[in-house]
Amino acid sequence: MSKRLSEFRAYREKMNERILAAKHLPINRFFTLDSKAYEDGALDARTKEIAGLAASLVLRCDDCIAYHVIRCKELGVGNDELFDVFNVGLIVGGSIVIPHLRRAVELLDELDAETGASQQPE
């Protein structure tokens, strides 16, 4: 696992645990609501993660983009599909999304290097 990826995962887990340990009811409820929103329902989890990725690109949240790229890959979303999602985020968000797109593709390449997957969309 790349250093950046392992640091992202460790930091996210550590800080989420710290926040939830404070037992602030509204914050804990929000975290639960966020987790539940991405579970299978009328839409499957895979589709919801794709939607979350597109929204995160438009909102330009690098942490959110990274989380959703990771989850998409875990749920079997292929690189060609991810590049379609990247395109939707770029079209909706405009050129200001490009720096976030760069970081998303860099992360995708790191994930693919870990698994030996193709680094190019098909």
PDB file of N, CA and C in Angstrom:
ATOM      1  N   MET A   1       0.847  -1.172   0.000  1.00  0.00           N
ATOM      2  CA  MET A   1       0.000   0.000   0.000  1.00  0.00           C
ATOM      3  C   MET A   1       0.893   1.237   0.000  1.00  0.00           C
ATOM      4  N   SER A   2       0.538   2.198  -0.837  1.00  0.00           N
ATOM      5  CA  SER A   2       1.339   3.420  -0.912  1.00  0.00           C
ATOM      6  C   SER A   2       1.266   4.177   0.408  1.00  0.00           C
ATOM      7  N   LYS A   3       2.308   4.972   0.655  1.00  0.00           N
ATOM      8  CA  LYS A   3       2.369   5.750   1.894  1.00  0.00           C
ATOM      9  C   LYS A   3       1.173   6.707   1.994  1.00  0.00           C
ATOM     10  N   ARG A   4       0.869   7.391   0.905  1.00  0.00           N
ATOM     11  CA  ARG A   4      -0.243   8.347   0.918  1.00  0.00           C
ATOM     12  C   ARG A   4      -1.562   7.649   1.217  1.00  0.00           C
ATOM     13  N   LEU A   5      -1.766   6.501   0.605  1.00  0.00           N
ATOM     14  CA  LEU A   5      -3.006   5.765   0.802  1.00  0.00           C
ATOM     15  C   LEU A   5      -3.108   5.229   2.226  1.00  0.00           C
ATOM     16  N   SER A   6      -2.026   4.672   2.745  1.00  0.00           N
ATOM     17  CA  SER A   6      -2.063   4.152   4.114  1.00  0.00           C
ATOM     18  C   SER A   6      -2.236   5.283   5.121  1.00  0.00           C
ATOM     19  N   GLU A   7      -1.598   6.430   4.867  1.00  0.00           N
ATOM     20  CA  GLU A   7      -1.766   7.575   5.766  1.00  0.00           C
ATOM     21  C   GLU A   7      -3.203   8.091   5.730  1.00  0.00           C
ATOM     22  N   PHE A   8      -3.801   8.151   4.537  1.00  0.00           N
ATOM     23  CA  PHE A   8      -5.184   8.603   4.420  1.00  0.00           C
ATOM     24  C   PHE A   8      -6.110   7.689   5.208  1.00  0.00           C
ATOM     25  N   ARG A   9      -5.963   6.390   5.012  1.00  0.00           N
ATOM     26  CA  ARG A   9      -6.830   5.428   5.695  1.00  0.00           C
ATOM     27  C   ARG A   9      -6.642   5.494   7.208  1.00  0.00           C
ATOM     28  N   ALA A  10      -5.390   5.551   7.664  1.00  0.00           N
ATOM     29  CA  ALA A  10      -5.107   5.588   9.102  1.00  0.00           C
ATOM     30  C   ALA A  10      -5.650   6.869   9.735  1.00  0.00           C
ATOM     31  N   TYR A  11      -5.428   8.004   9.085  1.00  0.00           N
ATOM     32  CA  TYR A  11      -5.901   9.280   9.623  1.00  0.00           C
ATOM     33  C   TYR A  11      -7.423   9.298   9.696  1.00  0.00           C
ATOM     34  N   ARG A  12      -8.072   8.860   8.629  1.00  0.00           N
ATOM     35  CA  ARG A  12      -9.532   8.851   8.592  1.00  0.00           C
ATOM     36  C   ARG A  12     -10.096   7.992   9.722  1.00  0.00           C
ATOM     37  N   GLU A  13      -9.550   6.790   9.873  1.00  0.00           N
ATOM     38  CA  GLU A  13     -10.020   5.893  10.925  1.00  0.00           C
ATOM     39  C   GLU A  13      -9.767   6.473  12.315  1.00  0.00           C
ATOM     40  N   LYS A  14      -8.560   6.984  12.533  1.00  0.00           N
ATOM     41  CA  LYS A  14      -8.198   7.555  13.836  1.00  0.00           C
ATOM     42  C   LYS A  14      -9.119   8.712  14.201  1.00  0.00           C
ATOM     43  N   MET A  15      -9.312   9.632  13.284  1.00  0.00           N
ATOM     44  CA  MET A  15     -10.109  10.817  13.599  1.00  0.00           C
ATOM     45  C   MET A  15     -11.603  10.489  13.707  1.00  0.00           C
ATOM     46  N   ASN A  16     -12.090   9.567  12.890  1.00  0.00           N
ATOM     47  CA  ASN A  16     -13.483   9.155  13.036  1.00  0.00           C
ATOM     48  C   ASN A  16     -13.715   8.537  14.410  1.00  0.00           C
ATOM     49  N   GLU A  17     -12.785   7.683  14.844  1.00  0.00           N
ATOM     50  CA  GLU A  17     -12.906   7.086  16.180  1.00  0.00           C
ATOM     51  C   GLU A  17     -12.891   8.163  17.255  1.00  0.00           C
ATOM     52  N   ARG A  18     -12.009   9.132  17.123  1.00  0.00           N
ATOM     53  CA  ARG A  18     -11.910  10.222  18.105  1.00  0.00           C
ATOM     54  C   ARG A  18     -13.212  11.023  18.156  1.00  0.00           C
ATOM     55  N   ILE A  19     -13.739  11.356  17.004  1.00  0.00           N
ATOM     56  CA  ILE A  19     -14.974  12.144  16.934  1.00  0.00           C
ATOM     57  C   ILE A  19     -16.132  11.368  17.542  1.00  0.00           C
ATOM     58  N   LEU A  20     -16.270  10.111  17.168  1.00  0.00           N
ATOM     59  CA  LEU A  20     -17.381   9.301  17.681  1.00  0.00           C
ATOM     60  C   LEU A  20     -17.240   9.034  19.176  1.00  0.00           C
ATOM     61  N   ALA A  21     -16.009   8.966  19.683  1.00  0.00           N
ATOM     62  CA  ALA A  21     -15.774   8.726  21.106  1.00  0.00           C
ATOM     63  C   ALA A  21     -16.257   9.889  21.966  1.00  0.00           C
ATOM     64  N   ALA A  22     -16.398  11.070  21.383  1.00  0.00           N
ATOM     65  CA  ALA A  22     -16.898  12.215  22.132  1.00  0.00           C
ATOM     66  C   ALA A  22     -18.362  12.049  22.499  1.00  0.00           C
ATOM     67  N   LYS A  23     -19.032  11.104  21.825  1.00  0.00           N
ATOM     68  CA  LYS A  23     -20.433  10.772  22.099  1.00  0.00           C
ATOM     69  C   LYS A  23     -21.358  11.984  21.988  1.00  0.00           C
ATOM     70  N   HIS A  24     -21.089  12.837  21.017  1.00  0.00           N
ATOM     71  CA  HIS A  24     -21.964  13.974  20.722  1.00  0.00           C
ATOM     72  C   HIS A  24     -23.086  13.429  19.839  1.00  0.00           C
ATOM     73  N   LEU A  25     -24.269  13.357  20.379  1.00  0.00           N
ATOM     74  CA  LEU A  25     -25.375  12.657  19.737  1.00  0.00           C
ATOM     75  C   LEU A  25     -25.668  13.134  18.316  1.00  0.00           C
ATOM     76  N   PRO A  26     -25.806  14.436  18.059  1.00  0.00           N
ATOM     77  CA  PRO A  26     -26.083  14.860  16.681  1.00  0.00           C
ATOM     78  C   PRO A  26     -24.961  14.481  15.704  1.00  0.00           C
ATOM     79  N   ILE A  27     -23.701  14.608  16.132  1.00  0.00           N
ATOM     80  CA  ILE A  27     -22.595  14.227  15.257  1.00  0.00           C
ATOM     81  C   ILE A  27     -22.625  12.728  15.004  1.00  0.00           C
ATOM     82  N   ASN A  28     -22.804  11.927  16.037  1.00  0.00           N
ATOM     83  CA  ASN A  28     -22.860  10.477  15.860  1.00  0.00           C
ATOM     84  C   ASN A  28     -24.014  10.079  14.958  1.00  0.00           C
ATOM     85  N   ARG A  29     -25.143  10.748  15.110  1.00  0.00           N
ATOM     86  CA  ARG A  29     -26.291  10.453  14.246  1.00  0.00           C
ATOM     87  C   ARG A  29     -25.980  10.788  12.790  1.00  0.00           C
ATOM     88  N   PHE A  30     -25.290  11.900  12.568  1.00  0.00           N
ATOM     89  CA  PHE A  30     -24.924  12.271  11.198  1.00  0.00           C
ATOM     90  C   PHE A  30     -24.002  11.222  10.594  1.00  0.00           C
ATOM     91  N   PHE A  31     -23.002  10.773  11.352  1.00  0.00           N
ATOM     92  CA  PHE A  31     -22.088   9.739  10.863  1.00  0.00           C
ATOM     93  C   PHE A  31     -22.859   8.468  10.515  1.00  0.00           C
ATOM     94  N   THR A  32     -23.810   8.098  11.360  1.00  0.00           N
ATOM     95  CA  THR A  32     -24.625   6.915  11.088  1.00  0.00           C
ATOM     96  C   THR A  32     -25.463   7.120   9.836  1.00  0.00           C
ATOM     97  N   LEU A  33     -26.070   8.282   9.715  1.00  0.00           N
ATOM     98  CA  LEU A  33     -26.876   8.599   8.536  1.00  0.00           C
ATOM     99  C   LEU A  33     -26.023   8.537   7.274  1.00  0.00           C
ATOM    100  N   ASP A  34     -24.819   9.065   7.336  1.00  0.00           N
ATOM    101  CA  ASP A  34     -23.907   9.035   6.198  1.00  0.00           C
ATOM    102  C   ASP A  34     -23.595   7.592   5.803  1.00  0.00           C
ATOM    103  N   SER A  35     -23.289   6.752   6.778  1.00  0.00           N
ATOM    104  CA  SER A  35     -22.986   5.343   6.484  1.00  0.00           C
ATOM    105  C   SER A  35     -24.192   4.626   5.888  1.00  0.00           C
ATOM    106  N   LYS A  36     -25.347   4.850   6.463  1.00  0.00           N
ATOM    107  CA  LYS A  36     -26.575   4.183   6.006  1.00  0.00           C
ATOM    108  C   LYS A  36     -26.958   4.622   4.594  1.00  0.00           C
ATOM    109  N   ALA A  37     -26.647   5.853   4.237  1.00  0.00           N
ATOM    110  CA  ALA A  37     -27.024   6.375   2.920  1.00  0.00           C
ATOM    111  C   ALA A  37     -26.377   5.585   1.789  1.00  0.00           C
ATOM    112  N   TYR A  38     -25.232   4.957   2.048  1.00  0.00           N
ATOM    113  CA  TYR A  38     -24.502   4.239   1.003  1.00  0.00           C
ATOM    114  C   TYR A  38     -24.744   2.734   1.023  1.00  0.00           C
ATOM    115  N   GLU A  39     -25.650   2.267   1.870  1.00  0.00           N
ATOM    116  CA  GLU A  39     -26.003   0.848   1.888  1.00  0.00           C
ATOM    117  C   GLU A  39     -26.981   0.549   0.758  1.00  0.00           C
ATOM    118  N   ASP A  40     -27.068  -0.735   0.399  1.00  0.00           N
ATOM    119  CA  ASP A  40     -28.030  -1.147  -0.621  1.00  0.00           C
ATOM    120  C   ASP A  40     -29.436  -0.721  -0.232  1.00  0.00           C
ATOM    121  N   GLY A  41     -30.175  -0.251  -1.208  1.00  0.00           N
ATOM    122  CA  GLY A  41     -31.573   0.124  -1.050  1.00  0.00           C
ATOM    123  C   GLY A  41     -32.206   0.005  -2.417  1.00  0.00           C
ATOM    124  N   ALA A  42     -33.026   0.974  -2.801  1.00  0.00           N
ATOM    125  CA  ALA A  42     -33.566   0.981  -4.159  1.00  0.00           C
ATOM    126  C   ALA A  42     -32.422   1.046  -5.167  1.00  0.00           C
ATOM    127  N   LEU A  43     -31.349   1.751  -4.796  1.00  0.00           N
ATOM    128  CA  LEU A  43     -30.094   1.741  -5.559  1.00  0.00           C
ATOM    129  C   LEU A  43     -29.103   0.884  -4.793  1.00  0.00           C
ATOM    130  N   ASP A  44     -28.276   0.144  -5.502  1.00  0.00           N
ATOM    131  CA  ASP A  44     -27.257  -0.644  -4.816  1.00  0.00           C
ATOM    132  C   ASP A  44     -26.113   0.255  -4.348  1.00  0.00           C
ATOM    133  N   ALA A  45     -25.309  -0.280  -3.425  1.00  0.00           N
ATOM    134  CA  ALA A  45     -24.207   0.492  -2.827  1.00  0.00           C
ATOM    135  C   ALA A  45     -23.245   0.990  -3.898  1.00  0.00           C
ATOM    136  N   ARG A  46     -22.996   0.185  -4.903  1.00  0.00           N
ATOM    137  CA  ARG A  46     -22.074   0.554  -5.980  1.00  0.00           C
ATOM    138  C   ARG A  46     -22.545   1.827  -6.681  1.00  0.00           C
ATOM    139  N   THR A  47     -23.820   1.877  -7.022  1.00  0.00           N
ATOM    140  CA  THR A  47     -24.397   3.045  -7.697  1.00  0.00           C
ATOM    141  C   THR A  47     -24.346   4.271  -6.789  1.00  0.00           C
ATOM    142  N   LYS A  48     -24.612   4.066  -5.515  1.00  0.00           N
ATOM    143  CA  LYS A  48     -24.577   5.181  -4.566  1.00  0.00           C
ATOM    144  C   LYS A  48     -23.168   5.741  -4.410  1.00  0.00           C
ATOM    145  N   GLU A  49     -22.158   4.875  -4.411  1.00  0.00           N
ATOM    146  CA  GLU A  49     -20.775   5.348  -4.315  1.00  0.00           C
ATOM    147  C   GLU A  49     -20.388   6.136  -5.562  1.00  0.00           C
ATOM    148  N   ILE A  50     -20.852   5.686  -6.730  1.00  0.00           N
ATOM    149  CA  ILE A  50     -20.604   6.421  -7.970  1.00  0.00           C
ATOM    150  C   ILE A  50     -21.223   7.816  -7.886  1.00  0.00           C
ATOM    151  N   ALA A  51     -22.455   7.888  -7.388  1.00  0.00           N
ATOM    152  CA  ALA A  51     -23.118   9.187  -7.226  1.00  0.00           C
ATOM    153  C   ALA A  51     -22.369  10.054  -6.221  1.00  0.00           C
ATOM    154  N   GLY A  52     -21.913   9.446  -5.139  1.00  0.00           N
ATOM    155  CA  GLY A  52     -21.143  10.183  -4.131  1.00  0.00           C
ATOM    156  C   GLY A  52     -19.845  10.726  -4.699  1.00  0.00           C
ATOM    157  N   LEU A  53     -19.204   9.945  -5.565  1.00  0.00           N
ATOM    158  CA  LEU A  53     -17.970  10.399  -6.192  1.00  0.00           C
ATOM    159  C   LEU A  53     -18.226  11.594  -7.099  1.00  0.00           C
ATOM    160  N   ALA A  54     -19.269  11.517  -7.917  1.00  0.00           N
ATOM    161  CA  ALA A  54     -19.588  12.640  -8.806  1.00  0.00           C
ATOM    162  C   ALA A  54     -19.877  13.903  -8.000  1.00  0.00           C
ATOM    163  N   ALA A  55     -20.669  13.760  -6.942  1.00  0.00           N
ATOM    164  CA  ALA A  55     -20.994  14.919  -6.102  1.00  0.00           C
ATOM    165  C   ALA A  55     -19.743  15.475  -5.424  1.00  0.00           C
ATOM    166  N   SER A  56     -18.869  14.598  -4.962  1.00  0.00           N
ATOM    167  CA  SER A  56     -17.650  15.038  -4.287  1.00  0.00           C
ATOM    168  C   SER A  56     -16.714  15.786  -5.225  1.00  0.00           C
ATOM    169  N   LEU A  57     -16.666  15.355  -6.484  1.00  0.00           N
ATOM    170  CA  LEU A  57     -15.867  16.087  -7.475  1.00  0.00           C
ATOM    171  C   LEU A  57     -16.409  17.499  -7.660  1.00  0.00           C
ATOM    172  N   VAL A  58     -17.716  17.615  -7.792  1.00  0.00           N
ATOM    173  CA  VAL A  58     -18.338  18.930  -7.990  1.00  0.00           C
ATOM    174  C   VAL A  58     -18.109  19.815  -6.762  1.00  0.00           C
ATOM    175  N   LEU A  59     -18.184  19.217  -5.578  1.00  0.00           N
ATOM    176  CA  LEU A  59     -17.973  19.978  -4.346  1.00  0.00           C
ATOM    177  C   LEU A  59     -16.491  20.204  -4.039  1.00  0.00           C
ATOM    178  N   ARG A  60     -15.616  19.531  -4.786  1.00  0.00           N
ATOM    179  CA  ARG A  60     -14.170  19.701  -4.684  1.00  0.00           C
ATOM    180  C   ARG A  60     -13.630  19.336  -3.296  1.00  0.00           C
ATOM    181  N   CYS A  61     -14.109  18.202  -2.787  1.00  0.00           N
ATOM    182  CA  CYS A  61     -13.643  17.705  -1.486  1.00  0.00           C
ATOM    183  C   CYS A  61     -12.686  16.537  -1.716  1.00  0.00           C
ATOM    184  N   ASP A  62     -11.381  16.794  -1.601  1.00  0.00           N
ATOM    185  CA  ASP A  62     -10.391  15.755  -1.878  1.00  0.00           C
ATOM    186  C   ASP A  62     -10.539  14.532  -0.982  1.00  0.00           C
ATOM    187  N   ASP A  63     -10.814  14.732   0.309  1.00  0.00           N
ATOM    188  CA  ASP A  63     -11.005  13.581   1.191  1.00  0.00           C
ATOM    189  C   ASP A  63     -12.204  12.746   0.738  1.00  0.00           C
ATOM    190  N   CYS A  64     -13.289  13.409   0.384  1.00  0.00           N
ATOM    191  CA  CYS A  64     -14.485  12.695  -0.068  1.00  0.00           C
ATOM    192  C   CYS A  64     -14.225  11.981  -1.386  1.00  0.00           C
ATOM    193  N   ILE A  65     -13.538  12.650  -2.287  1.00  0.00           N
ATOM    194  CA  ILE A  65     -13.198  12.046  -3.575  1.00  0.00           C
ATOM    195  C   ILE A  65     -12.370  10.791  -3.330  1.00  0.00           C
ATOM    196  N   ALA A  66     -11.350  10.890  -2.495  1.00  0.00           N
ATOM    197  CA  ALA A  66     -10.491   9.735  -2.205  1.00  0.00           C
ATOM    198  C   ALA A  66     -11.310   8.599  -1.614  1.00  0.00           C
ATOM    199  N   TYR A  67     -12.147   8.909  -0.651  1.00  0.00           N
ATOM    200  CA  TYR A  67     -12.965   7.868  -0.017  1.00  0.00           C
ATOM    201  C   TYR A  67     -13.839   7.163  -1.060  1.00  0.00           C
ATOM    202  N   HIS A  68     -14.499   7.937  -1.908  1.00  0.00           N
ATOM    203  CA  HIS A  68     -15.403   7.331  -2.891  1.00  0.00           C
ATOM    204  C   HIS A  68     -14.653   6.582  -3.994  1.00  0.00           C
ATOM    205  N   VAL A  69     -13.476   7.052  -4.391  1.00  0.00           N
ATOM    206  CA  VAL A  69     -12.676   6.294  -5.365  1.00  0.00           C
ATOM    207  C   VAL A  69     -12.310   4.941  -4.762  1.00  0.00           C
ATOM    208  N   ILE A  70     -11.850   4.943  -3.525  1.00  0.00           N
ATOM    209  CA  ILE A  70     -11.490   3.700  -2.839  1.00  0.00           C
ATOM    210  C   ILE A  70     -12.693   2.766  -2.764  1.00  0.00           C
ATOM    211  N   ARG A  71     -13.828   3.287  -2.309  1.00  0.00           N
ATOM    212  CA  ARG A  71     -15.035   2.454  -2.186  1.00  0.00           C
ATOM    213  C   ARG A  71     -15.501   1.953  -3.550  1.00  0.00           C
ATOM    214  N   CYS A  72     -15.440   2.796  -4.571  1.00  0.00           N
ATOM    215  CA  CYS A  72     -15.837   2.353  -5.913  1.00  0.00           C
ATOM    216  C   CYS A  72     -14.976   1.179  -6.361  1.00  0.00           C
ATOM    217  N   LYS A  73     -13.666   1.296  -6.176  1.00  0.00           N
ATOM    218  CA  LYS A  73     -12.780   0.201  -6.561  1.00  0.00           C
ATOM    219  C   LYS A  73     -13.091  -1.057  -5.749  1.00  0.00           C
ATOM    220  N   GLU A  74     -13.338  -0.902  -4.448  1.00  0.00           N
ATOM    221  CA  GLU A  74     -13.684  -2.055  -3.608  1.00  0.00           C
ATOM    222  C   GLU A  74     -14.966  -2.728  -4.078  1.00  0.00           C
ATOM    223  N   LEU A  75     -15.873  -1.947  -4.644  1.00  0.00           N
ATOM    224  CA  LEU A  75     -17.161  -2.482  -5.103  1.00  0.00           C
ATOM    225  C   LEU A  75     -17.139  -2.900  -6.571  1.00  0.00           C
ATOM    226  N   GLY A  76     -15.945  -2.898  -7.172  1.00  0.00           N
ATOM    227  CA  GLY A  76     -15.802  -3.431  -8.518  1.00  0.00           C
ATOM    228  C   GLY A  76     -16.053  -2.465  -9.655  1.00  0.00           C
ATOM    229  N   VAL A  77     -16.063  -1.181  -9.370  1.00  0.00           N
ATOM    230  CA  VAL A  77     -16.231  -0.196 -10.444  1.00  0.00           C
ATOM    231  C   VAL A  77     -14.937  -0.164 -11.250  1.00  0.00           C
ATOM    232  N   GLY A  78     -15.054  -0.328 -12.549  1.00  0.00           N
ATOM    233  CA  GLY A  78     -13.885  -0.360 -13.423  1.00  0.00           C
ATOM    234  C   GLY A  78     -13.372   1.030 -13.752  1.00  0.00           C
ATOM    235  N   ASN A  79     -12.165   1.087 -14.247  1.00  0.00           N
ATOM    236  CA  ASN A  79     -11.547   2.372 -14.582  1.00  0.00           C
ATOM    237  C   ASN A  79     -12.323   3.117 -15.662  1.00  0.00           C
ATOM    238  N   ASP A  80     -12.844   2.386 -16.649  1.00  0.00           N
ATOM    239  CA  ASP A  80     -13.620   3.055 -17.692  1.00  0.00           C
ATOM    240  C   ASP A  80     -14.862   3.705 -17.104  1.00  0.00           C
ATOM    241  N   GLU A  81     -15.488   3.038 -16.147  1.00  0.00           N
ATOM    242  CA  GLU A  81     -16.650   3.619 -15.465  1.00  0.00           C
ATOM    243  C   GLU A  81     -16.238   4.820 -14.624  1.00  0.00           C
ATOM    244  N   LEU A  82     -15.106   4.706 -13.932  1.00  0.00           N
ATOM    245  CA  LEU A  82     -14.637   5.828 -13.115  1.00  0.00           C
ATOM    246  C   LEU A  82     -14.335   7.050 -13.973  1.00  0.00           C
ATOM    247  N   PHE A  83     -13.744   6.850 -15.132  1.00  0.00           N
ATOM    248  CA  PHE A  83     -13.473   7.999 -15.995  1.00  0.00           C
ATOM    249  C   PHE A  83     -14.770   8.628 -16.503  1.00  0.00           C
ATOM    250  N   ASP A  84     -15.817   7.838 -16.687  1.00  0.00           N
ATOM    251  CA  ASP A  84     -17.124   8.420 -17.017  1.00  0.00           C
ATOM    252  C   ASP A  84     -17.641   9.271 -15.856  1.00  0.00           C
ATOM    253  N   VAL A  85     -17.468   8.779 -14.632  1.00  0.00           N
ATOM    254  CA  VAL A  85     -17.881   9.554 -13.456  1.00  0.00           C
ATOM    255  C   VAL A  85     -17.043  10.818 -13.343  1.00  0.00           C
ATOM    256  N   PHE A  86     -15.729  10.690 -13.552  1.00  0.00           N
ATOM    257  CA  PHE A  86     -14.858  11.867 -13.524  1.00  0.00           C
ATOM    258  C   PHE A  86     -15.345  12.905 -14.540  1.00  0.00           C
ATOM    259  N   ASN A  87     -15.748  12.441 -15.707  1.00  0.00           N
ATOM    260  CA  ASN A  87     -16.229  13.348 -16.751  1.00  0.00           C
ATOM    261  C   ASN A  87     -17.504  14.068 -16.324  1.00  0.00           C
ATOM    262  N   VAL A  88     -18.433  13.337 -15.696  1.00  0.00           N
ATOM    263  CA  VAL A  88     -19.666  13.973 -15.222  1.00  0.00           C
ATOM    264  C   VAL A  88     -19.325  15.056 -14.200  1.00  0.00           C
ATOM    265  N   GLY A  89     -18.451  14.736 -13.246  1.00  0.00           N
ATOM    266  CA  GLY A  89     -18.047  15.730 -12.252  1.00  0.00           C
ATOM    267  C   GLY A  89     -17.389  16.940 -12.882  1.00  0.00           C
ATOM    268  N   LEU A  90     -16.577  16.702 -13.899  1.00  0.00           N
ATOM    269  CA  LEU A  90     -15.903  17.797 -14.596  1.00  0.00           C
ATOM    270  C   LEU A  90     -16.897  18.659 -15.358  1.00  0.00           C
ATOM    271  N   ILE A  91     -17.829  18.048 -16.047  1.00  0.00           N
ATOM    272  CA  ILE A  91     -18.826  18.801 -16.815  1.00  0.00           C
ATOM    273  C   ILE A  91     -19.709  19.629 -15.890  1.00  0.00           C
ATOM    274  N   VAL A  92     -20.157  19.020 -14.795  1.00  0.00           N
ATOM    275  CA  VAL A  92     -21.043  19.741 -13.871  1.00  0.00           C
ATOM    276  C   VAL A  92     -20.282  20.818 -13.112  1.00  0.00           C
ATOM    277  N   GLY A  93     -19.060  20.491 -12.666  1.00  0.00           N
ATOM    278  CA  GLY A  93     -18.305  21.422 -11.831  1.00  0.00           C
ATOM    279  C   GLY A  93     -17.448  22.417 -12.582  1.00  0.00           C
ATOM    280  N   GLY A  94     -17.101  22.107 -13.815  1.00  0.00           N
ATOM    281  CA  GLY A  94     -16.277  23.008 -14.609  1.00  0.00           C
ATOM    282  C   GLY A  94     -14.792  22.812 -14.375  1.00  0.00           C
ATOM    283  N   SER A  95     -14.017  23.680 -15.005  1.00  0.00           N
ATOM    284  CA  SER A  95     -12.562  23.511 -15.009  1.00  0.00           C
ATOM    285  C   SER A  95     -11.942  23.591 -13.621  1.00  0.00           C
ATOM    286  N   ILE A  96     -12.634  24.161 -12.648  1.00  0.00           N
ATOM    287  CA  ILE A  96     -12.080  24.227 -11.288  1.00  0.00           C
ATOM    288  C   ILE A  96     -11.942  22.836 -10.671  1.00  0.00           C
ATOM    289  N   VAL A  97     -12.614  21.850 -11.273  1.00  0.00           N
ATOM    290  CA  VAL A  97     -12.534  20.463 -10.798  1.00  0.00           C
ATOM    291  C   VAL A  97     -11.217  19.798 -11.237  1.00  0.00           C
ATOM    292  N   ILE A  98     -10.551  20.335 -12.246  1.00  0.00           N
ATOM    293  CA  ILE A  98      -9.374  19.674 -12.827  1.00  0.00           C
ATOM    294  C   ILE A  98      -8.304  19.318 -11.791  1.00  0.00           C
ATOM    295  N   PRO A  99      -7.920  20.191 -10.849  1.00  0.00           N
ATOM    296  CA  PRO A  99      -6.907  19.777  -9.866  1.00  0.00           C
ATOM    297  C   PRO A  99      -7.367  18.571  -9.025  1.00  0.00           C
ATOM    298  N   HIS A 100      -8.652  18.499  -8.736  1.00  0.00           N
ATOM    299  CA  HIS A 100      -9.201  17.389  -7.955  1.00  0.00           C
ATOM    300  C   HIS A 100      -9.255  16.127  -8.804  1.00  0.00           C
ATOM    301  N   LEU A 101      -9.519  16.300 -10.079  1.00  0.00           N
ATOM    302  CA  LEU A 101      -9.488  15.183 -11.019  1.00  0.00           C
ATOM    303  C   LEU A 101      -8.082  14.596 -11.090  1.00  0.00           C
ATOM    304  N   ARG A 102      -7.087  15.449 -11.121  1.00  0.00           N
ATOM    305  CA  ARG A 102      -5.692  14.974 -11.146  1.00  0.00           C
ATOM    306  C   ARG A 102      -5.395  14.096  -9.934  1.00  0.00           C
ATOM    307  N   ARG A 103      -5.797  14.583  -8.752  1.00  0.00           N
ATOM    308  CA  ARG A 103      -5.533  13.817  -7.535  1.00  0.00           C
ATOM    309  C   ARG A 103      -6.343  12.518  -7.514  1.00  0.00           C
ATOM    310  N   ALA A 104      -7.551  12.542  -8.050  1.00  0.00           N
ATOM    311  CA  ALA A 104      -8.368  11.324  -8.116  1.00  0.00           C
ATOM    312  C   ALA A 104      -7.708  10.282  -9.014  1.00  0.00           C
ATOM    313  N   VAL A 105      -7.200  10.712 -10.154  1.00  0.00           N
ATOM    314  CA  VAL A 105      -6.542   9.786 -11.082  1.00  0.00           C
ATOM    315  C   VAL A 105      -5.228   9.282 -10.483  1.00  0.00           C
ATOM    316  N   GLU A 106      -4.512  10.140  -9.789  1.00  0.00           N
ATOM    317  CA  GLU A 106      -3.286   9.705  -9.114  1.00  0.00           C
ATOM    318  C   GLU A 106      -3.599   8.611  -8.097  1.00  0.00           C
ATOM    319  N   LEU A 107      -4.656   8.790  -7.312  1.00  0.00           N
ATOM    320  CA  LEU A 107      -5.072   7.787  -6.344  1.00  0.00           C
ATOM    321  C   LEU A 107      -5.501   6.505  -7.050  1.00  0.00           C
ATOM    322  N   LEU A 108      -6.243   6.638  -8.120  1.00  0.00           N
ATOM    323  CA  LEU A 108      -6.666   5.475  -8.904  1.00  0.00           C
ATOM    324  C   LEU A 108      -5.439   4.685  -9.368  1.00  0.00           C
ATOM    325  N   ASP A 109      -4.427   5.375  -9.856  1.00  0.00           N
ATOM    326  CA  ASP A 109      -3.195   4.711 -10.286  1.00  0.00           C
ATOM    327  C   ASP A 109      -2.519   3.980  -9.124  1.00  0.00           C
ATOM    328  N   GLU A 110      -2.531   4.591  -7.942  1.00  0.00           N
ATOM    329  CA  GLU A 110      -1.940   3.945  -6.766  1.00  0.00           C
ATOM    330  C   GLU A 110      -2.715   2.683  -6.400  1.00  0.00           C
ATOM    331  N   LEU A 111      -4.040   2.778  -6.437  1.00  0.00           N
ATOM    332  CA  LEU A 111      -4.867   1.603  -6.131  1.00  0.00           C
ATOM    333  C   LEU A 111      -4.630   0.494  -7.149  1.00  0.00           C
ATOM    334  N   ASP A 112      -4.549   0.864  -8.413  1.00  0.00           N
ATOM    335  CA  ASP A 112      -4.310  -0.124  -9.464  1.00  0.00           C
ATOM    336  C   ASP A 112      -2.926  -0.756  -9.324  1.00  0.00           C
ATOM    337  N   ALA A 113      -1.942   0.036  -8.920  1.00  0.00           N
ATOM    338  CA  ALA A 113      -0.589  -0.500  -8.737  1.00  0.00           C
ATOM    339  C   ALA A 113      -0.575  -1.545  -7.628  1.00  0.00           C
ATOM    340  N   GLU A 114      -1.384  -1.329  -6.599  1.00  0.00           N
ATOM    341  CA  GLU A 114      -1.482  -2.294  -5.498  1.00  0.00           C
ATOM    342  C   GLU A 114      -2.048  -3.626  -5.958  1.00  0.00           C
ATOM    343  N   THR A 115      -3.018  -3.567  -6.850  1.00  0.00           N
ATOM    344  CA  THR A 115      -3.710  -4.783  -7.273  1.00  0.00           C
ATOM    345  C   THR A 115      -3.199  -5.326  -8.599  1.00  0.00           C
ATOM    346  N   GLY A 116      -2.329  -4.574  -9.259  1.00  0.00           N
ATOM    347  CA  GLY A 116      -1.833  -4.986 -10.562  1.00  0.00           C
ATOM    348  C   GLY A 116      -2.842  -4.805 -11.665  1.00  0.00           C
ATOM    349  N   ALA A 117      -3.868  -3.998 -11.409  1.00  0.00           N
ATOM    350  CA  ALA A 117      -4.923  -3.752 -12.403  1.00  0.00           C
ATOM    351  C   ALA A 117      -4.434  -2.773 -13.462  1.00  0.00           C
ATOM    352  N   SER A 118      -5.169  -2.719 -14.546  1.00  0.00           N
ATOM    353  CA  SER A 118      -4.866  -1.780 -15.640  1.00  0.00           C
ATOM    354  C   SER A 118      -4.954  -0.358 -15.122  1.00  0.00           C
ATOM    355  N   GLN A 119      -4.013   0.464 -15.536  1.00  0.00           N
ATOM    356  CA  GLN A 119      -4.020   1.855 -15.117  1.00  0.00           C
ATOM    357  C   GLN A 119      -4.650   2.760 -16.162  1.00  0.00           C
ATOM    358  N   GLN A 120      -5.166   2.197 -17.219  1.00  0.00           N
ATOM    359  CA  GLN A 120      -5.788   3.002 -18.274  1.00  0.00           C
ATOM    360  C   GLN A 120      -7.248   2.593 -18.409  1.00  0.00           C
ATOM    361  N   PRO A 121      -8.127   3.561 -18.678  1.00  0.00           N
ATOM    362  CA  PRO A 121      -9.514   3.182 -18.938  1.00  0.00           C
ATOM    363  C   PRO A 121      -9.567   2.331 -20.190  1.00  0.00           C
ATOM    364  N   GLU A 122     -10.552   1.444 -20.224  1.00  0.00           N
ATOM    365  CA  GLU A 122     -10.678   0.525 -21.362  1.00  0.00           C
ATOM    366  C   GLU A 122     -11.484   1.099 -22.485  1.00  0.00           C
TER     367      GLU A 122
END
